[in-house]
Structure formats: C-alpha cells, structure tokens
Protein backbone atom coordinates (compact mmCIF):
# COMPACT_ATOMS: atom_id res chain seq x y z
CA UNK A 1 39.54 156.91 -71.41
CA UNK A 2 40.50 160.56 -71.63
CA UNK A 3 38.59 163.62 -70.54
CA UNK A 4 37.56 165.95 -73.38
CA UNK A 5 35.95 169.09 -71.92
CA UNK A 6 35.23 170.49 -75.37
CA UNK A 7 32.25 168.13 -75.72
CA UNK A 8 30.57 169.47 -72.59
CA UNK A 9 29.22 172.52 -74.39
CA UNK A 10 27.44 170.47 -77.06
CA UNK A 11 25.65 168.08 -74.74
CA UNK A 12 21.91 168.48 -74.94
CA UNK A 13 19.87 168.87 -71.76
CA UNK A 14 18.32 165.64 -70.59
CA UNK A 15 15.23 165.19 -68.50
CA UNK A 16 15.67 162.82 -65.58
CA UNK A 17 16.02 159.28 -66.87
CA UNK A 18 15.71 156.19 -64.70
CA UNK A 19 17.55 152.98 -65.53
CA UNK A 20 16.57 149.90 -63.55
CA UNK A 21 18.27 146.54 -63.29
CA UNK A 22 17.49 144.38 -66.31
CA UNK A 23 14.27 142.38 -65.77
CA UNK A 24 16.02 139.26 -67.09
CA UNK A 25 18.73 139.59 -64.44
CA UNK A 26 16.24 140.30 -61.65
CA UNK A 27 14.02 137.35 -62.57
CA UNK A 28 16.94 134.97 -62.97
CA UNK A 29 18.56 135.86 -59.65
CA UNK A 30 15.30 135.76 -57.71
CA UNK A 31 14.34 132.38 -59.19
CA UNK A 32 17.83 131.03 -58.53
CA UNK A 33 17.50 132.06 -54.87
CA UNK A 34 14.15 130.28 -54.65
CA UNK A 35 15.50 127.18 -56.41
CA UNK A 36 18.48 126.96 -54.06
CA UNK A 37 16.55 127.55 -50.84
CA UNK A 38 13.07 126.07 -51.41
CA UNK A 39 13.99 122.51 -50.35
CA UNK A 40 15.86 123.55 -47.19
CA UNK A 41 12.89 123.67 -44.76
CA UNK A 42 11.72 120.27 -46.03
CA UNK A 43 15.23 118.84 -45.66
CA UNK A 44 15.43 120.27 -42.14
CA UNK A 45 12.18 118.44 -41.28
CA UNK A 46 13.25 115.11 -42.83
CA UNK A 47 16.73 115.15 -41.29
CA UNK A 48 15.50 116.52 -37.96
CA UNK A 49 18.03 119.34 -38.15
CA UNK A 50 18.65 121.38 -34.97
CA UNK A 51 17.21 124.49 -36.69
CA UNK A 52 13.39 124.28 -36.75
CA UNK A 53 11.93 124.45 -40.28
CA UNK A 54 9.81 127.45 -39.28
CA UNK A 55 12.86 129.48 -38.24
CA UNK A 56 14.64 128.42 -41.39
CA UNK A 57 11.66 129.52 -43.48
CA UNK A 58 11.58 132.92 -41.76
CA UNK A 59 15.32 133.37 -42.34
CA UNK A 60 14.99 132.43 -46.01
CA UNK A 61 12.08 134.85 -46.44
CA UNK A 62 14.18 137.65 -44.93
CA UNK A 63 17.00 136.69 -47.29
CA UNK A 64 14.61 136.92 -50.24
CA UNK A 65 13.56 140.42 -49.14
CA UNK A 66 17.21 141.46 -48.81
CA UNK A 67 17.99 140.11 -52.29
CA UNK A 68 14.98 141.90 -53.75
CA UNK A 69 16.15 145.14 -52.11
CA UNK A 70 19.55 144.83 -53.79
CA UNK A 71 17.86 144.13 -57.14
CA UNK A 72 15.79 147.35 -56.86
CA UNK A 73 18.83 149.51 -57.64
CA UNK A 74 18.07 152.49 -59.90
CA UNK A 75 20.38 154.75 -61.84
CA UNK A 76 19.03 158.27 -62.33
CA UNK A 77 20.55 160.67 -64.82
CA UNK A 78 19.66 164.34 -65.06
CA UNK A 79 21.38 167.53 -66.20
CA UNK A 80 23.31 167.87 -62.94
CA UNK A 81 24.45 164.41 -61.90
CA UNK A 82 24.32 160.64 -62.02
CA UNK A 83 22.77 158.94 -58.97
CA UNK A 84 22.45 155.35 -57.82
CA UNK A 85 19.47 155.02 -55.49
CA UNK A 86 17.21 152.46 -53.86
CA UNK A 87 13.52 152.70 -52.93
CA UNK A 88 12.66 154.41 -49.62
CA UNK A 89 11.80 151.09 -47.95
CA UNK A 90 15.41 149.90 -48.33
CA UNK A 91 17.35 150.92 -45.19
CA UNK A 92 20.43 153.10 -45.76
CA UNK A 93 22.61 150.72 -43.75
CA UNK A 94 21.70 147.87 -46.12
CA UNK A 95 22.30 149.55 -49.48
CA UNK A 96 23.59 153.08 -49.65
CA UNK A 97 23.43 154.84 -52.98
CA UNK A 98 25.69 157.56 -54.28
CA UNK A 99 25.55 160.65 -56.46
CA UNK A 100 28.21 162.34 -58.53
CA UNK A 101 27.85 165.67 -60.37
CA UNK A 102 28.86 165.50 -64.03
CA UNK A 103 31.36 168.32 -63.49
CA UNK A 104 33.17 166.24 -60.83
CA UNK A 105 33.86 163.28 -63.15
CA UNK A 106 37.42 163.30 -64.43
CA UNK A 107 37.73 159.83 -65.97
CA UNK A 108 36.16 156.42 -66.46
CA UNK A 109 38.73 153.79 -65.52
CA UNK A 110 38.49 150.07 -66.33
CA UNK A 111 39.37 147.44 -63.72
CA UNK A 112 39.51 143.70 -64.25
CA UNK A 113 37.46 141.42 -62.02
CA UNK A 114 38.57 138.15 -60.46
CA UNK A 115 36.51 136.28 -63.07
CA UNK A 116 38.23 137.99 -66.00
CA UNK A 117 35.56 140.60 -66.75
CA UNK A 118 36.01 144.36 -66.81
CA UNK A 119 34.13 146.88 -64.68
CA UNK A 120 34.41 150.66 -64.90
CA UNK A 121 34.75 153.28 -62.19
CA UNK A 122 34.01 156.98 -62.43
CA UNK A 123 36.86 158.93 -60.89
CA UNK A 124 35.93 162.16 -59.16
CA UNK A 125 38.15 165.20 -58.79
CA UNK A 126 38.93 164.05 -55.26
CA UNK A 127 40.17 160.71 -56.63
CA UNK A 128 37.27 158.67 -55.25
CA UNK A 129 35.91 155.85 -57.45
CA UNK A 130 32.23 155.14 -58.16
CA UNK A 131 31.24 151.87 -59.84
CA UNK A 132 29.42 152.32 -63.14
CA UNK A 133 26.25 150.17 -62.91
CA UNK A 134 26.57 147.71 -65.77
CA UNK A 135 23.53 145.44 -65.41
CA UNK A 136 20.83 148.00 -66.14
CA UNK A 137 18.31 147.74 -68.95
CA UNK A 138 19.23 150.31 -71.60
CA UNK A 139 22.95 150.21 -70.77
CA UNK A 140 23.95 151.51 -74.23
CA UNK A 141 21.67 154.54 -73.76
CA UNK A 142 23.11 155.16 -70.30
CA UNK A 143 26.66 155.09 -71.67
CA UNK A 144 25.70 157.50 -74.47
CA UNK A 145 24.37 159.95 -71.89
CA UNK A 146 27.56 159.59 -69.82
CA UNK A 147 29.64 160.41 -72.91
CA UNK A 148 27.39 163.35 -73.79
CA UNK A 149 27.61 164.82 -70.29
CA UNK A 150 31.28 164.18 -69.54
CA UNK A 151 33.01 164.15 -72.90
CA UNK A 152 34.67 160.83 -71.99
CA UNK A 153 35.03 158.39 -74.89
CA UNK A 154 32.88 155.36 -74.03
CA UNK A 155 33.14 153.41 -77.29
CA UNK A 156 34.96 150.53 -75.55
CA UNK A 157 32.54 150.31 -72.59
CA UNK A 158 30.49 147.11 -72.85
CA UNK A 159 28.11 145.43 -70.37
CA UNK A 160 29.75 143.11 -67.84
CA UNK A 161 27.66 140.13 -68.92
CA UNK A 162 25.66 139.41 -72.03
CA UNK A 163 21.94 138.51 -71.98
CA UNK A 164 22.61 135.00 -73.31
CA UNK A 165 24.56 134.22 -70.11
CA UNK A 166 21.52 135.02 -67.99
CA UNK A 167 19.22 133.13 -70.38
CA UNK A 168 21.34 130.00 -69.91
CA UNK A 169 21.29 130.51 -66.13
CA UNK A 170 17.51 131.03 -66.25
CA UNK A 171 16.96 127.77 -68.16
CA UNK A 172 19.17 125.84 -65.72
CA UNK A 173 17.36 127.48 -62.79
CA UNK A 174 13.99 126.38 -64.20
CA UNK A 175 15.32 122.79 -64.42
CA UNK A 176 16.46 123.04 -60.80
CA UNK A 177 13.04 124.36 -59.75
CA UNK A 178 11.36 121.44 -61.55
CA UNK A 179 13.58 118.97 -59.67
CA UNK A 180 12.86 120.77 -56.38
CA UNK A 181 9.12 120.62 -57.04
CA UNK A 182 9.25 116.91 -57.89
CA UNK A 183 11.34 116.16 -54.78
CA UNK A 184 9.02 118.08 -52.47
CA UNK A 185 5.91 116.55 -54.05
CA UNK A 186 7.40 113.05 -53.68
CA UNK A 187 8.29 113.69 -50.02
CA UNK A 188 4.76 114.97 -49.32
CA UNK A 189 3.05 112.09 -51.13
CA UNK A 190 5.14 109.49 -49.26
CA UNK A 191 4.32 111.17 -45.97
CA UNK A 192 7.97 111.96 -45.19
CA UNK A 193 7.02 115.57 -44.42
CA UNK A 194 3.78 117.38 -43.72
CA UNK A 195 2.90 120.94 -44.50
C-alpha cells in the first residue's frame, strides 16, 4: 500500500460519519456469551461448588456488561481525522480509543493473524500503528473514505471475517441456547435446583 499525496486534493469534504460494529457480530457474540455462561449458576448449585451461585451470577452479569462495552466501539470519520471511540459510560481504563489525523497517516500495512487472517494497521508519521477496525457495518464505505482522505490504495483491503461465518456461529449458538434452556428446565422440573 503506497502513499499517493496527489489524491488528497481531490477528496471531497465529508460530514462526520459514524460506523458501529456490525449488528450481526454484536448479536452473535452477546448470545454466545449468554449460551456459554447461562448454565453455570445452576451447575454451581447442583454440584455444590465452593463459589455461591449468587456470586457467580453477579460475576457473569459484570462480564456481560464488559463484553457489551467492548461491542459498543464506534469509528468516526470527519474531514480532520479518524477516531475510534466508546460511549461515555465505558471507563477509559477498560477501553481506550484513539484518533489519528488524516495528514499523519503514511501507510496502511497488512499483518497476518495467528489464525491466518489479515488485519491492517495505519502507520503514523511517528511510526506508531493503529488497528483499522474491520468488523464495522459499512466497512466498504469506510475503506472508500480512507482512500479518499489519504490517497492510499485500498482495493485489496477486505473485512477480516465474512458475514456467513457469523451466521453459522449464530445458528450454532441458538442450538446451544436451546440445549441450555432444556437442561435448565429439566433440572427445575425434577427439583434438582430452585430459583
């Protein structure tokens, strides 16, 4: 990916645009968390685990809030910069966003992940890398704006994962939730646990 400053003069002004995490990804990950953790308080009761079910439930609820906070990531583009932010209720120590002026971006570098995918980092003039958010709804539009504002060729930049991957995960998660519900209902009806 090379830097082409000549394109900077032809980029049209853009009003602030907000790109949020894809609803499919948010729903899938939240439901997967619920499916994986829902039976744990009931199992703690049945097995008489040393951690009381109430404490476990509180911990799992806090975990759900933390996951939701991470999934509230927003990418904001305007004429001056690209920013990754979180809502005001998300503490800075938990998820810290970043901002990078368009004029500071020198390149968009690909890096392979441990699972064989490719992620991209903006490189600033100081050499610092900023991860390009790749799971936002409207990713193609975001990449077009990046190319328009920086002059960097983004024709090879593709999302990290395709929607069909999350659809498969969503279907499997719904099956897991159905099994969880049946298991909990059976345990309640047999009197193994009480609410």
